[in-house]
């Protein structure tokens, strides 16, 4: 699967990264922003698509966005916390 990742905001301080196919949402990683903290609180992928690296693509988009905008990620989502913990040194610049 190589669908584009879309960044969308519901409000200036709440948004997420989403993957759609033919108008249907397949996956999401949602976050809120408070100052320079970006709280990642939910990652979801349709069950039939699990194990295809889709959540990893969303995570990489989150990290790039945090780096580009000088945010620190606060992981309340278990998936994001696990990814950050696995490679702590690689993500030390964006992990709060």
PDB file of N, CA and C in Angstrom:
ATOM      1  N   UNK A   1       0.840  -1.173   0.000  1.00  0.00           N
ATOM      2  CA  UNK A   1       0.000   0.000   0.000  1.00  0.00           C
ATOM      3  C   UNK A   1       0.881   1.230   0.000  1.00  0.00           C
ATOM      4  N   UNK A   2       0.597   2.134  -0.894  1.00  0.00           N
ATOM      5  CA  UNK A   2       1.422   3.320  -1.015  1.00  0.00           C
ATOM      6  C   UNK A   2       0.572   4.583  -1.089  1.00  0.00           C
ATOM      7  N   UNK A   3      -0.567   4.592  -0.399  1.00  0.00           N
ATOM      8  CA  UNK A   3      -1.427   5.762  -0.388  1.00  0.00           C
ATOM      9  C   UNK A   3      -0.727   6.916   0.314  1.00  0.00           C
ATOM     10  N   UNK A   4      -1.066   8.127  -0.100  1.00  0.00           N
ATOM     11  CA  UNK A   4      -0.481   9.311   0.503  1.00  0.00           C
ATOM     12  C   UNK A   4      -1.009   9.522   1.908  1.00  0.00           C
ATOM     13  N   UNK A   5      -0.170  10.087   2.744  1.00  0.00           N
ATOM     14  CA  UNK A   5      -0.557  10.447   4.104  1.00  0.00           C
ATOM     15  C   UNK A   5      -1.010  11.896   4.075  1.00  0.00           C
ATOM     16  N   UNK A   6      -2.182  12.153   4.640  1.00  0.00           N
ATOM     17  CA  UNK A   6      -2.729  13.505   4.697  1.00  0.00           C
ATOM     18  C   UNK A   6      -2.661  14.018   6.127  1.00  0.00           C
ATOM     19  N   UNK A   7      -2.218  15.264   6.280  1.00  0.00           N
ATOM     20  CA  UNK A   7      -2.236  15.947   7.567  1.00  0.00           C
ATOM     21  C   UNK A   7      -3.479  16.819   7.585  1.00  0.00           C
ATOM     22  N   UNK A   8      -4.336  16.617   8.586  1.00  0.00           N
ATOM     23  CA  UNK A   8      -5.566  17.399   8.703  1.00  0.00           C
ATOM     24  C   UNK A   8      -5.712  17.885  10.135  1.00  0.00           C
ATOM     25  N   UNK A   9      -6.273  19.085  10.283  1.00  0.00           N
ATOM     26  CA  UNK A   9      -6.543  19.652  11.596  1.00  0.00           C
ATOM     27  C   UNK A   9      -8.036  19.887  11.754  1.00  0.00           C
ATOM     28  N   UNK A  10      -8.603  19.433  12.896  1.00  0.00           N
ATOM     29  CA  UNK A  10      -9.991  19.736  13.250  1.00  0.00           C
ATOM     30  C   UNK A  10     -10.061  21.146  13.829  1.00  0.00           C
ATOM     31  N   UNK A  11      -9.071  21.477  14.642  1.00  0.00           N
ATOM     32  CA  UNK A  11      -8.905  22.798  15.242  1.00  0.00           C
ATOM     33  C   UNK A  11      -7.415  23.116  15.138  1.00  0.00           C
ATOM     34  N   UNK A  12      -7.011  24.342  15.437  1.00  0.00           N
ATOM     35  CA  UNK A  12      -5.575  24.652  15.359  1.00  0.00           C
ATOM     36  C   UNK A  12      -4.699  23.787  16.264  1.00  0.00           C
ATOM     37  N   UNK A  13      -5.272  23.216  17.321  1.00  0.00           N
ATOM     38  CA  UNK A  13      -4.482  22.433  18.275  1.00  0.00           C
ATOM     39  C   UNK A  13      -4.791  20.943  18.269  1.00  0.00           C
ATOM     40  N   UNK A  14      -5.562  20.478  17.303  1.00  0.00           N
ATOM     41  CA  UNK A  14      -5.916  19.055  17.256  1.00  0.00           C
ATOM     42  C   UNK A  14      -5.947  18.591  15.813  1.00  0.00           C
ATOM     43  N   UNK A  15      -5.194  17.546  15.536  1.00  0.00           N
ATOM     44  CA  UNK A  15      -5.169  17.039  14.168  1.00  0.00           C
ATOM     45  C   UNK A  15      -4.667  15.618  14.114  1.00  0.00           C
ATOM     46  N   UNK A  16      -4.274  15.229  12.920  1.00  0.00           N
ATOM     47  CA  UNK A  16      -3.766  13.888  12.758  1.00  0.00           C
ATOM     48  C   UNK A  16      -3.257  13.638  11.358  1.00  0.00           C
ATOM     49  N   UNK A  17      -2.623  12.501  11.224  1.00  0.00           N
ATOM     50  CA  UNK A  17      -2.174  12.007   9.932  1.00  0.00           C
ATOM     51  C   UNK A  17      -3.122  10.887   9.542  1.00  0.00           C
ATOM     52  N   UNK A  18      -3.588  10.913   8.296  1.00  0.00           N
ATOM     53  CA  UNK A  18      -4.609   9.978   7.841  1.00  0.00           C
ATOM     54  C   UNK A  18      -4.219   9.388   6.496  1.00  0.00           C
ATOM     55  N   UNK A  19      -4.622   8.149   6.287  1.00  0.00           N
ATOM     56  CA  UNK A  19      -4.462   7.497   4.990  1.00  0.00           C
ATOM     57  C   UNK A  19      -5.858   7.111   4.515  1.00  0.00           C
ATOM     58  N   UNK A  20      -6.168   7.531   3.285  1.00  0.00           N
ATOM     59  CA  UNK A  20      -7.462   7.244   2.672  1.00  0.00           C
ATOM     60  C   UNK A  20      -7.258   6.464   1.381  1.00  0.00           C
ATOM     61  N   UNK A  21      -8.265   5.700   1.019  1.00  0.00           N
ATOM     62  CA  UNK A  21      -8.296   5.036  -0.285  1.00  0.00           C
ATOM     63  C   UNK A  21      -9.730   5.112  -0.787  1.00  0.00           C
ATOM     64  N   UNK A  22      -9.893   5.717  -1.940  1.00  0.00           N
ATOM     65  CA  UNK A  22     -11.212   5.884  -2.548  1.00  0.00           C
ATOM     66  C   UNK A  22     -12.198   6.506  -1.569  1.00  0.00           C
ATOM     67  N   UNK A  23     -11.739   7.538  -0.844  1.00  0.00           N
ATOM     68  CA  UNK A  23     -12.593   8.248   0.091  1.00  0.00           C
ATOM     69  C   UNK A  23     -12.826   7.557   1.420  1.00  0.00           C
ATOM     70  N   UNK A  24     -12.254   6.393   1.617  1.00  0.00           N
ATOM     71  CA  UNK A  24     -12.442   5.612   2.843  1.00  0.00           C
ATOM     72  C   UNK A  24     -11.188   5.722   3.709  1.00  0.00           C
ATOM     73  N   UNK A  25     -11.378   6.096   4.982  1.00  0.00           N
ATOM     74  CA  UNK A  25     -10.242   6.204   5.891  1.00  0.00           C
ATOM     75  C   UNK A  25      -9.747   4.816   6.269  1.00  0.00           C
ATOM     76  N   UNK A  26      -8.453   4.590   6.060  1.00  0.00           N
ATOM     77  CA  UNK A  26      -7.850   3.293   6.358  1.00  0.00           C
ATOM     78  C   UNK A  26      -7.048   3.297   7.653  1.00  0.00           C
ATOM     79  N   UNK A  27      -6.486   4.454   8.002  1.00  0.00           N
ATOM     80  CA  UNK A  27      -5.618   4.525   9.175  1.00  0.00           C
ATOM     81  C   UNK A  27      -5.507   5.962   9.648  1.00  0.00           C
ATOM     82  N   UNK A  28      -5.171   6.107  10.950  1.00  0.00           N
ATOM     83  CA  UNK A  28      -5.012   7.438  11.514  1.00  0.00           C
ATOM     84  C   UNK A  28      -4.024   7.412  12.670  1.00  0.00           C
ATOM     85  N   UNK A  29      -3.373   8.549  12.862  1.00  0.00           N
ATOM     86  CA  UNK A  29      -2.558   8.803  14.046  1.00  0.00           C
ATOM     87  C   UNK A  29      -2.945  10.210  14.481  1.00  0.00           C
ATOM     88  N   UNK A  30      -3.601  10.312  15.633  1.00  0.00           N
ATOM     89  CA  UNK A  30      -4.153  11.592  16.063  1.00  0.00           C
ATOM     90  C   UNK A  30      -3.342  12.184  17.202  1.00  0.00           C
ATOM     91  N   UNK A  31      -3.325  13.528  17.244  1.00  0.00           N
ATOM     92  CA  UNK A  31      -2.523  14.232  18.235  1.00  0.00           C
ATOM     93  C   UNK A  31      -3.167  15.558  18.601  1.00  0.00           C
ATOM     94  N   UNK A  32      -2.691  16.113  19.720  1.00  0.00           N
ATOM     95  CA  UNK A  32      -3.062  17.468  20.115  1.00  0.00           C
ATOM     96  C   UNK A  32      -1.769  18.237  20.367  1.00  0.00           C
ATOM     97  N   UNK A  33      -1.863  19.546  20.251  1.00  0.00           N
ATOM     98  CA  UNK A  33      -0.693  20.408  20.419  1.00  0.00           C
ATOM     99  C   UNK A  33      -0.959  21.385  21.554  1.00  0.00           C
ATOM    100  N   UNK A  34       0.033  21.506  22.442  1.00  0.00           N
ATOM    101  CA  UNK A  34      -0.030  22.474  23.527  1.00  0.00           C
ATOM    102  C   UNK A  34       1.352  23.092  23.642  1.00  0.00           C
ATOM    103  N   UNK A  35       1.487  24.319  23.189  1.00  0.00           N
ATOM    104  CA  UNK A  35       2.803  24.947  23.165  1.00  0.00           C
ATOM    105  C   UNK A  35       3.697  24.210  22.190  1.00  0.00           C
ATOM    106  N   UNK A  36       4.810  23.709  22.680  1.00  0.00           N
ATOM    107  CA  UNK A  36       5.737  22.949  21.837  1.00  0.00           C
ATOM    108  C   UNK A  36       5.654  21.448  22.098  1.00  0.00           C
ATOM    109  N   UNK A  37       4.590  21.028  22.787  1.00  0.00           N
ATOM    110  CA  UNK A  37       4.356  19.601  23.034  1.00  0.00           C
ATOM    111  C   UNK A  37       3.296  19.078  22.083  1.00  0.00           C
ATOM    112  N   UNK A  38       3.584  17.955  21.482  1.00  0.00           N
ATOM    113  CA  UNK A  38       2.664  17.294  20.554  1.00  0.00           C
ATOM    114  C   UNK A  38       2.296  15.952  21.191  1.00  0.00           C
ATOM    115  N   UNK A  39       1.083  15.854  21.712  1.00  0.00           N
ATOM    116  CA  UNK A  39       0.646  14.636  22.395  1.00  0.00           C
ATOM    117  C   UNK A  39      -0.002  13.690  21.399  1.00  0.00           C
ATOM    118  N   UNK A  40       0.670  12.591  21.124  1.00  0.00           N
ATOM    119  CA  UNK A  40       0.150  11.561  20.215  1.00  0.00           C
ATOM    120  C   UNK A  40      -0.664  10.595  21.062  1.00  0.00           C
ATOM    121  N   UNK A  41      -1.995  10.574  20.850  1.00  0.00           N
ATOM    122  CA  UNK A  41      -2.852   9.801  21.743  1.00  0.00           C
ATOM    123  C   UNK A  41      -3.595   8.643  21.092  1.00  0.00           C
ATOM    124  N   UNK A  42      -3.542   8.509  19.776  1.00  0.00           N
ATOM    125  CA  UNK A  42      -4.266   7.394  19.154  1.00  0.00           C
ATOM    126  C   UNK A  42      -3.657   7.044  17.802  1.00  0.00           C
ATOM    127  N   UNK A  43      -3.433   5.760  17.584  1.00  0.00           N
ATOM    128  CA  UNK A  43      -3.046   5.233  16.277  1.00  0.00           C
ATOM    129  C   UNK A  43      -3.987   4.080  15.971  1.00  0.00           C
ATOM    130  N   UNK A  44      -4.541   4.085  14.774  1.00  0.00           N
ATOM    131  CA  UNK A  44      -5.439   3.006  14.390  1.00  0.00           C
ATOM    132  C   UNK A  44      -5.297   2.643  12.926  1.00  0.00           C
ATOM    133  N   UNK A  45      -5.380   1.355  12.645  1.00  0.00           N
ATOM    134  CA  UNK A  45      -5.316   0.824  11.281  1.00  0.00           C
ATOM    135  C   UNK A  45      -6.443  -0.195  11.151  1.00  0.00           C
ATOM    136  N   UNK A  46      -7.139  -0.168  10.023  1.00  0.00           N
ATOM    137  CA  UNK A  46      -8.210  -1.148   9.810  1.00  0.00           C
ATOM    138  C   UNK A  46      -7.633  -2.551  10.011  1.00  0.00           C
ATOM    139  N   UNK A  47      -8.354  -3.421  10.712  1.00  0.00           N
ATOM    140  CA  UNK A  47      -7.824  -4.751  11.062  1.00  0.00           C
ATOM    141  C   UNK A  47      -7.293  -5.548   9.875  1.00  0.00           C
ATOM    142  N   UNK A  48      -7.948  -5.472   8.747  1.00  0.00           N
ATOM    143  CA  UNK A  48      -7.504  -6.256   7.590  1.00  0.00           C
ATOM    144  C   UNK A  48      -6.200  -5.741   6.989  1.00  0.00           C
ATOM    145  N   UNK A  49      -5.750  -4.562   7.437  1.00  0.00           N
ATOM    146  CA  UNK A  49      -4.515  -3.980   6.913  1.00  0.00           C
ATOM    147  C   UNK A  49      -3.367  -4.020   7.917  1.00  0.00           C
ATOM    148  N   UNK A  50      -3.615  -4.553   9.092  1.00  0.00           N
ATOM    149  CA  UNK A  50      -2.563  -4.619  10.108  1.00  0.00           C
ATOM    150  C   UNK A  50      -1.393  -5.468   9.616  1.00  0.00           C
ATOM    151  N   UNK A  51      -0.196  -5.114  10.076  1.00  0.00           N
ATOM    152  CA  UNK A  51       0.999  -5.871   9.724  1.00  0.00           C
ATOM    153  C   UNK A  51       1.611  -5.493   8.389  1.00  0.00           C
ATOM    154  N   UNK A  52       1.112  -4.419   7.771  1.00  0.00           N
ATOM    155  CA  UNK A  52       1.636  -3.987   6.472  1.00  0.00           C
ATOM    156  C   UNK A  52       2.507  -2.737   6.572  1.00  0.00           C
ATOM    157  N   UNK A  53       2.836  -2.313   7.793  1.00  0.00           N
ATOM    158  CA  UNK A  53       3.704  -1.159   7.976  1.00  0.00           C
ATOM    159  C   UNK A  53       3.002   0.181   7.878  1.00  0.00           C
ATOM    160  N   UNK A  54       1.682   0.174   7.866  1.00  0.00           N
ATOM    161  CA  UNK A  54       0.930   1.422   7.710  1.00  0.00           C
ATOM    162  C   UNK A  54       1.085   2.312   8.941  1.00  0.00           C
ATOM    163  N   UNK A  55       0.965   1.741  10.129  1.00  0.00           N
ATOM    164  CA  UNK A  55       1.142   2.527  11.352  1.00  0.00           C
ATOM    165  C   UNK A  55       2.556   3.101  11.411  1.00  0.00           C
ATOM    166  N   UNK A  56       3.534   2.352  10.946  1.00  0.00           N
ATOM    167  CA  UNK A  56       4.911   2.841  10.903  1.00  0.00           C
ATOM    168  C   UNK A  56       5.067   4.043   9.994  1.00  0.00           C
ATOM    169  N   UNK A  57       4.356   4.044   8.874  1.00  0.00           N
ATOM    170  CA  UNK A  57       4.395   5.207   7.972  1.00  0.00           C
ATOM    171  C   UNK A  57       3.798   6.431   8.654  1.00  0.00           C
ATOM    172  N   UNK A  58       2.702   6.242   9.386  1.00  0.00           N
ATOM    173  CA  UNK A  58       2.094   7.352  10.118  1.00  0.00           C
ATOM    174  C   UNK A  58       3.033   7.854  11.210  1.00  0.00           C
ATOM    175  N   UNK A  59       3.682   6.931  11.912  1.00  0.00           N
ATOM    176  CA  UNK A  59       4.646   7.307  12.948  1.00  0.00           C
ATOM    177  C   UNK A  59       5.788   8.125  12.351  1.00  0.00           C
ATOM    178  N   UNK A  60       6.318   7.697  11.215  1.00  0.00           N
ATOM    179  CA  UNK A  60       7.403   8.443  10.566  1.00  0.00           C
ATOM    180  C   UNK A  60       6.954   9.839  10.169  1.00  0.00           C
ATOM    181  N   UNK A  61       5.706   9.975   9.722  1.00  0.00           N
ATOM    182  CA  UNK A  61       5.166  11.296   9.377  1.00  0.00           C
ATOM    183  C   UNK A  61       5.085  12.171  10.625  1.00  0.00           C
ATOM    184  N   UNK A  62       4.670  11.584  11.743  1.00  0.00           N
ATOM    185  CA  UNK A  62       4.599  12.315  13.009  1.00  0.00           C
ATOM    186  C   UNK A  62       5.976  12.818  13.422  1.00  0.00           C
ATOM    187  N   UNK A  63       6.979  11.959  13.370  1.00  0.00           N
ATOM    188  CA  UNK A  63       8.338  12.339  13.763  1.00  0.00           C
ATOM    189  C   UNK A  63       8.865  13.445  12.848  1.00  0.00           C
ATOM    190  N   UNK A  64       8.655  13.323  11.557  1.00  0.00           N
ATOM    191  CA  UNK A  64       9.100  14.363  10.619  1.00  0.00           C
ATOM    192  C   UNK A  64       8.420  15.691  10.916  1.00  0.00           C
ATOM    193  N   UNK A  65       7.125  15.639  11.174  1.00  0.00           N
ATOM    194  CA  UNK A  65       6.370  16.855  11.487  1.00  0.00           C
ATOM    195  C   UNK A  65       6.897  17.489  12.773  1.00  0.00           C
ATOM    196  N   UNK A  66       7.153  16.675  13.782  1.00  0.00           N
ATOM    197  CA  UNK A  66       7.683  17.184  15.046  1.00  0.00           C
ATOM    198  C   UNK A  66       9.051  17.833  14.832  1.00  0.00           C
ATOM    199  N   UNK A  67       9.906  17.188  14.076  1.00  0.00           N
ATOM    200  CA  UNK A  67      11.239  17.756  13.818  1.00  0.00           C
ATOM    201  C   UNK A  67      11.149  19.050  13.017  1.00  0.00           C
ATOM    202  N   UNK A  68      10.324  19.055  11.987  1.00  0.00           N
ATOM    203  CA  UNK A  68      10.191  20.241  11.137  1.00  0.00           C
ATOM    204  C   UNK A  68       9.643  21.443  11.891  1.00  0.00           C
ATOM    205  N   UNK A  69       8.843  21.188  12.923  1.00  0.00           N
ATOM    206  CA  UNK A  69       8.179  22.268  13.655  1.00  0.00           C
ATOM    207  C   UNK A  69       8.676  22.431  15.089  1.00  0.00           C
ATOM    208  N   UNK A  70       9.774  21.747  15.421  1.00  0.00           N
ATOM    209  CA  UNK A  70      10.423  21.828  16.728  1.00  0.00           C
ATOM    210  C   UNK A  70       9.483  21.481  17.879  1.00  0.00           C
ATOM    211  N   UNK A  71       8.663  20.430  17.679  1.00  0.00           N
ATOM    212  CA  UNK A  71       7.794  19.918  18.733  1.00  0.00           C
ATOM    213  C   UNK A  71       8.482  18.764  19.449  1.00  0.00           C
ATOM    214  N   UNK A  72       8.071  18.540  20.678  1.00  0.00           N
ATOM    215  CA  UNK A  72       8.462  17.359  21.442  1.00  0.00           C
ATOM    216  C   UNK A  72       7.236  16.461  21.527  1.00  0.00           C
ATOM    217  N   UNK A  73       7.402  15.191  21.215  1.00  0.00           N
ATOM    218  CA  UNK A  73       6.294  14.239  21.232  1.00  0.00           C
ATOM    219  C   UNK A  73       6.081  13.708  22.647  1.00  0.00           C
ATOM    220  N   UNK A  74       4.835  13.787  23.092  1.00  0.00           N
ATOM    221  CA  UNK A  74       4.410  13.201  24.360  1.00  0.00           C
ATOM    222  C   UNK A  74       3.552  11.992  23.984  1.00  0.00           C
ATOM    223  N   UNK A  75       4.082  10.785  24.150  1.00  0.00           N
ATOM    224  CA  UNK A  75       3.358   9.601  23.683  1.00  0.00           C
ATOM    225  C   UNK A  75       2.389   9.038  24.727  1.00  0.00           C
ATOM    226  N   UNK A  76       1.102   9.291  24.552  1.00  0.00           N
ATOM    227  CA  UNK A  76       0.111   8.626  25.400  1.00  0.00           C
ATOM    228  C   UNK A  76      -0.497   7.437  24.665  1.00  0.00           C
ATOM    229  N   UNK A  77      -0.234   7.342  23.383  1.00  0.00           N
ATOM    230  CA  UNK A  77      -0.639   6.190  22.571  1.00  0.00           C
ATOM    231  C   UNK A  77       0.401   5.083  22.768  1.00  0.00           C
ATOM    232  N   UNK A  78      -0.052   3.871  23.055  1.00  0.00           N
ATOM    233  CA  UNK A  78       0.879   2.769  23.324  1.00  0.00           C
ATOM    234  C   UNK A  78       1.763   2.445  22.119  1.00  0.00           C
ATOM    235  N   UNK A  79       1.232   2.581  20.912  1.00  0.00           N
ATOM    236  CA  UNK A  79       2.028   2.288  19.716  1.00  0.00           C
ATOM    237  C   UNK A  79       3.168   3.298  19.575  1.00  0.00           C
ATOM    238  N   UNK A  80       2.850   4.579  19.707  1.00  0.00           N
ATOM    239  CA  UNK A  80       3.878   5.618  19.577  1.00  0.00           C
ATOM    240  C   UNK A  80       4.923   5.460  20.679  1.00  0.00           C
ATOM    241  N   UNK A  81       4.494   5.179  21.890  1.00  0.00           N
ATOM    242  CA  UNK A  81       5.437   4.964  22.989  1.00  0.00           C
ATOM    243  C   UNK A  81       6.363   3.788  22.695  1.00  0.00           C
ATOM    244  N   UNK A  82       5.819   2.700  22.187  1.00  0.00           N
ATOM    245  CA  UNK A  82       6.641   1.527  21.865  1.00  0.00           C
ATOM    246  C   UNK A  82       7.664   1.849  20.781  1.00  0.00           C
ATOM    247  N   UNK A  83       7.252   2.579  19.749  1.00  0.00           N
ATOM    248  CA  UNK A  83       8.182   2.931  18.664  1.00  0.00           C
ATOM    249  C   UNK A  83       9.293   3.850  19.171  1.00  0.00           C
ATOM    250  N   UNK A  84       8.948   4.835  19.980  1.00  0.00           N
ATOM    251  CA  UNK A  84       9.961   5.739  20.524  1.00  0.00           C
ATOM    252  C   UNK A  84      10.909   4.989  21.454  1.00  0.00           C
ATOM    253  N   UNK A  85      10.367   4.117  22.273  1.00  0.00           N
ATOM    254  CA  UNK A  85      11.180   3.364  23.240  1.00  0.00           C
ATOM    255  C   UNK A  85      12.149   2.411  22.556  1.00  0.00           C
ATOM    256  N   UNK A  86      11.728   1.842  21.441  1.00  0.00           N
ATOM    257  CA  UNK A  86      12.552   0.865  20.722  1.00  0.00           C
ATOM    258  C   UNK A  86      13.844   1.487  20.199  1.00  0.00           C
ATOM    259  N   UNK A  87      13.780   2.746  19.799  1.00  0.00           N
ATOM    260  CA  UNK A  87      14.958   3.431  19.243  1.00  0.00           C
ATOM    261  C   UNK A  87      15.126   4.778  19.934  1.00  0.00           C
ATOM    262  N   UNK A  88      15.276   4.727  21.250  1.00  0.00           N
ATOM    263  CA  UNK A  88      15.299   5.945  22.057  1.00  0.00           C
ATOM    264  C   UNK A  88      16.310   6.975  21.561  1.00  0.00           C
ATOM    265  N   UNK A  89      17.524   6.556  21.246  1.00  0.00           N
ATOM    266  CA  UNK A  89      18.557   7.505  20.819  1.00  0.00           C
ATOM    267  C   UNK A  89      18.196   8.183  19.504  1.00  0.00           C
ATOM    268  N   UNK A  90      17.608   7.446  18.587  1.00  0.00           N
ATOM    269  CA  UNK A  90      17.229   8.002  17.286  1.00  0.00           C
ATOM    270  C   UNK A  90      16.183   9.107  17.425  1.00  0.00           C
ATOM    271  N   UNK A  91      15.343   8.995  18.457  1.00  0.00           N
ATOM    272  CA  UNK A  91      14.236   9.936  18.615  1.00  0.00           C
ATOM    273  C   UNK A  91      14.408  10.875  19.802  1.00  0.00           C
ATOM    274  N   UNK A  92      15.590  10.913  20.401  1.00  0.00           N
ATOM    275  CA  UNK A  92      15.820  11.738  21.589  1.00  0.00           C
ATOM    276  C   UNK A  92      15.524  13.213  21.333  1.00  0.00           C
ATOM    277  N   UNK A  93      15.711  13.666  20.108  1.00  0.00           N
ATOM    278  CA  UNK A  93      15.480  15.079  19.797  1.00  0.00           C
ATOM    279  C   UNK A  93      14.003  15.456  19.766  1.00  0.00           C
ATOM    280  N   UNK A  94      13.115  14.469  19.650  1.00  0.00           N
ATOM    281  CA  UNK A  94      11.682  14.783  19.561  1.00  0.00           C
ATOM    282  C   UNK A  94      10.855  14.152  20.679  1.00  0.00           C
ATOM    283  N   UNK A  95      11.476  13.398  21.565  1.00  0.00           N
ATOM    284  CA  UNK A  95      10.721  12.703  22.611  1.00  0.00           C
ATOM    285  C   UNK A  95      10.802  13.472  23.913  1.00  0.00           C
ATOM    286  N   UNK A  96       9.633  13.835  24.448  1.00  0.00           N
ATOM    287  CA  UNK A  96       9.586  14.564  25.719  1.00  0.00           C
ATOM    288  C   UNK A  96       9.314  13.594  26.841  1.00  0.00           C
TER     289      UNK A  96
END
